[in-house]
């Protein structure tokens, strides 16, 4: 499963992600996730480096 998180501000971000299912024994699982928001410069936005 891929998940993207675009934080609104720079810095380290911590969160919990809960996935639910119809499994009777484990109806949900929660995992801790961590990432870092970085400032994206306008020249980097949407640039396809494969075509340069």
Protein backbone atom coordinates (compact mmCIF):
# COMPACT_ATOMS: atom_id res chain seq x y z
CA UNK A 1 0.00 0.00 0.00
CA UNK A 2 1.39 3.40 -0.96
CA UNK A 3 0.52 6.47 1.03
CA UNK A 4 1.55 10.07 0.42
CA UNK A 5 1.48 12.80 3.02
CA UNK A 6 2.10 16.37 1.85
CA UNK A 7 2.68 18.25 5.12
CA UNK A 8 1.69 21.93 5.08
CA UNK A 9 4.87 23.05 6.88
CA UNK A 10 8.56 22.12 7.00
CA UNK A 11 9.97 19.86 9.68
CA UNK A 12 9.64 16.38 11.15
CA UNK A 13 6.06 15.06 11.26
CA UNK A 14 4.77 12.09 13.25
CA UNK A 15 1.39 10.45 12.77
CA UNK A 16 -0.50 7.21 13.19
CA UNK A 17 -2.16 5.40 10.30
CA UNK A 18 -5.01 3.00 11.06
CA UNK A 19 -6.07 0.43 8.46
CA UNK A 20 -9.36 -1.35 9.01
CA UNK A 21 -10.53 -4.63 7.50
CA UNK A 22 -13.23 -7.24 7.81
CA UNK A 23 -10.87 -9.66 9.59
CA UNK A 24 -12.60 -10.96 12.75
CA UNK A 25 -9.34 -11.49 14.65
CA UNK A 26 -7.58 -8.26 13.63
CA UNK A 27 -10.23 -5.77 12.52
CA UNK A 28 -7.69 -2.94 12.41
CA UNK A 29 -4.01 -2.26 12.70
CA UNK A 30 -2.34 1.02 13.61
CA UNK A 31 1.20 1.88 12.58
CA UNK A 32 3.33 4.88 13.43
CA UNK A 33 4.65 6.87 10.50
CA UNK A 34 7.26 9.60 10.36
CA UNK A 35 8.41 11.92 7.60
CA UNK A 36 9.95 15.28 6.97
CA UNK A 37 8.29 18.17 5.21
CA UNK A 38 10.74 20.09 3.04
CA UNK A 39 10.37 23.34 1.15
CA UNK A 40 9.87 22.79 -2.56
CA UNK A 41 11.16 25.54 -4.80
CA UNK A 42 8.96 26.58 -7.75
CA UNK A 43 11.64 25.46 -10.22
CA UNK A 44 11.46 21.91 -8.77
CA UNK A 45 7.69 21.63 -8.92
CA UNK A 46 6.55 19.33 -11.68
CA UNK A 47 9.95 18.96 -13.33
CA UNK A 48 10.39 15.64 -15.09
CA UNK A 49 14.13 15.02 -14.83
CA UNK A 50 13.91 12.12 -17.33
CA UNK A 51 13.01 14.57 -20.10
CA UNK A 52 15.86 17.02 -19.42
